[in-house]
Amino acid sequence: MNFTPAILSCSTCRVTMIDGGGDAAGWSIFFLLIVILAMIGGISFFMIRLVRREKAHFDPTLSDDYVNPNASR
């Protein structure tokens, strides 16, 4: 006999997992994976869009001539 599920989960979760065959846990993991991938994709899309717009509308007359003070002359 395996008593580990009875110790690690409440009776409702344990019975639901056994009767449902674990479908709820599998679908919830899949749903969270989709949410995480959508968030990463949205953030990546936004950052790429910012970089492309900055390159397209860059005005060199407004940039500073930065000289690294630690660079050897």
C-alpha atoms as a PDB file:
ATOM      1  CA  MET A   1       0.000   0.000   0.000  1.00  0.00           C
ATOM      2  CA  ASN A   2       1.154   3.488  -0.815  1.00  0.00           C
ATOM      3  CA  PHE A   3       0.203   6.079   1.829  1.00  0.00           C
ATOM      4  CA  THR A   4       2.170   8.972   0.328  1.00  0.00           C
ATOM      5  CA  PRO A   5      -0.783  10.648  -1.493  1.00  0.00           C
ATOM      6  CA  ALA A   6      -2.872  10.519   1.667  1.00  0.00           C
ATOM      7  CA  ILE A   7      -0.153  12.291   3.611  1.00  0.00           C
ATOM      8  CA  LEU A   8       0.775  14.917   1.016  1.00  0.00           C
ATOM      9  CA  SER A   9      -2.679  16.047  -0.088  1.00  0.00           C
ATOM     10  CA  CYS A  10      -6.107  16.717   1.318  1.00  0.00           C
ATOM     11  CA  SER A  11      -8.782  14.099   0.769  1.00  0.00           C
ATOM     12  CA  THR A  12     -10.637  16.165  -1.847  1.00  0.00           C
ATOM     13  CA  CYS A  13      -7.552  16.659  -3.988  1.00  0.00           C
ATOM     14  CA  ARG A  14      -6.497  13.035  -3.620  1.00  0.00           C
ATOM     15  CA  VAL A  15      -9.909  11.591  -4.555  1.00  0.00           C
ATOM     16  CA  THR A  16     -10.308  14.002  -7.454  1.00  0.00           C
ATOM     17  CA  MET A  17      -6.855  13.139  -8.778  1.00  0.00           C
ATOM     18  CA  ILE A  18      -7.507   9.398  -8.517  1.00  0.00           C
ATOM     19  CA  ASP A  19     -11.040   9.514  -9.999  1.00  0.00           C
ATOM     20  CA  GLY A  20     -10.238  12.044 -12.715  1.00  0.00           C
ATOM     21  CA  GLY A  21      -7.099  10.281 -13.832  1.00  0.00           C
ATOM     22  CA  GLY A  22      -4.981  13.391 -13.315  1.00  0.00           C
ATOM     23  CA  ASP A  23      -6.557  15.312 -16.177  1.00  0.00           C
ATOM     24  CA  ALA A  24      -7.104  18.430 -14.085  1.00  0.00           C
ATOM     25  CA  ALA A  25      -3.467  18.609 -13.028  1.00  0.00           C
ATOM     26  CA  GLY A  26      -2.274  18.006 -16.575  1.00  0.00           C
ATOM     27  CA  TRP A  27      -4.547  20.662 -18.059  1.00  0.00           C
ATOM     28  CA  SER A  28      -3.622  23.187 -15.375  1.00  0.00           C
ATOM     29  CA  ILE A  29       0.081  22.694 -16.080  1.00  0.00           C
ATOM     30  CA  PHE A  30      -0.582  23.045 -19.814  1.00  0.00           C
ATOM     31  CA  PHE A  31      -2.613  26.219 -19.233  1.00  0.00           C
ATOM     32  CA  LEU A  32       0.119  27.769 -17.081  1.00  0.00           C
ATOM     33  CA  LEU A  33       2.707  26.893 -19.724  1.00  0.00           C
ATOM     34  CA  ILE A  34       0.612  28.679 -22.371  1.00  0.00           C
ATOM     35  CA  VAL A  35       0.264  31.735 -20.098  1.00  0.00           C
ATOM     36  CA  ILE A  36       4.021  31.866 -19.442  1.00  0.00           C
ATOM     37  CA  LEU A  37       4.863  31.514 -23.140  1.00  0.00           C
ATOM     38  CA  ALA A  38       2.353  34.227 -24.042  1.00  0.00           C
ATOM     39  CA  MET A  39       3.889  36.607 -21.491  1.00  0.00           C
ATOM     40  CA  ILE A  40       7.431  35.933 -22.712  1.00  0.00           C
ATOM     41  CA  GLY A  41       6.291  36.373 -26.305  1.00  0.00           C
ATOM     42  CA  GLY A  42       4.533  39.659 -25.523  1.00  0.00           C
ATOM     43  CA  ILE A  43       7.523  41.085 -23.692  1.00  0.00           C
ATOM     44  CA  SER A  44       9.885  39.971 -26.475  1.00  0.00           C
ATOM     45  CA  PHE A  45       7.625  41.478 -29.139  1.00  0.00           C
ATOM     46  CA  PHE A  46       7.507  44.786 -27.250  1.00  0.00           C
ATOM     47  CA  MET A  47      11.291  44.931 -26.768  1.00  0.00           C
ATOM     48  CA  ILE A  48      11.982  44.102 -30.437  1.00  0.00           C
ATOM     49  CA  ARG A  49       9.469  46.742 -31.486  1.00  0.00           C
ATOM     50  CA  LEU A  50      11.202  49.345 -29.302  1.00  0.00           C
ATOM     51  CA  VAL A  51      14.609  48.516 -30.781  1.00  0.00           C
ATOM     52  CA  ARG A  52      13.340  48.698 -34.364  1.00  0.00           C
ATOM     53  CA  ARG A  53      11.554  52.002 -33.788  1.00  0.00           C
ATOM     54  CA  GLU A  54      14.638  53.461 -32.108  1.00  0.00           C
ATOM     55  CA  LYS A  55      16.832  52.462 -35.058  1.00  0.00           C
ATOM     56  CA  ALA A  56      14.331  53.819 -37.591  1.00  0.00           C
ATOM     57  CA  HIS A  57      13.917  57.217 -35.909  1.00  0.00           C
ATOM     58  CA  PHE A  58      17.437  57.735 -34.578  1.00  0.00           C
ATOM     59  CA  ASP A  59      18.773  61.268 -34.970  1.00  0.00           C
ATOM     60  CA  PRO A  60      22.594  61.286 -34.731  1.00  0.00           C
ATOM     61  CA  THR A  61      22.667  65.018 -33.954  1.00  0.00           C
ATOM     62  CA  LEU A  62      20.981  64.324 -30.617  1.00  0.00           C
ATOM     63  CA  SER A  63      23.469  61.695 -29.446  1.00  0.00           C
ATOM     64  CA  ASP A  64      26.283  62.486 -27.040  1.00  0.00           C
ATOM     65  CA  ASP A  65      29.890  61.845 -27.943  1.00  0.00           C
ATOM     66  CA  TYR A  66      30.700  59.583 -25.029  1.00  0.00           C
ATOM     67  CA  VAL A  67      34.345  59.031 -24.283  1.00  0.00           C
ATOM     68  CA  ASN A  68      35.234  56.389 -21.746  1.00  0.00           C
ATOM     69  CA  PRO A  69      37.432  58.057 -19.081  1.00  0.00           C
ATOM     70  CA  ASN A  70      39.287  54.774 -18.465  1.00  0.00           C
ATOM     71  CA  ALA A  71      40.208  54.263 -22.106  1.00  0.00           C
ATOM     72  CA  SER A  72      43.859  54.640 -22.941  1.00  0.00           C
ATOM     73  CA  ARG A  73      44.640  57.624 -25.146  1.00  0.00           C
END
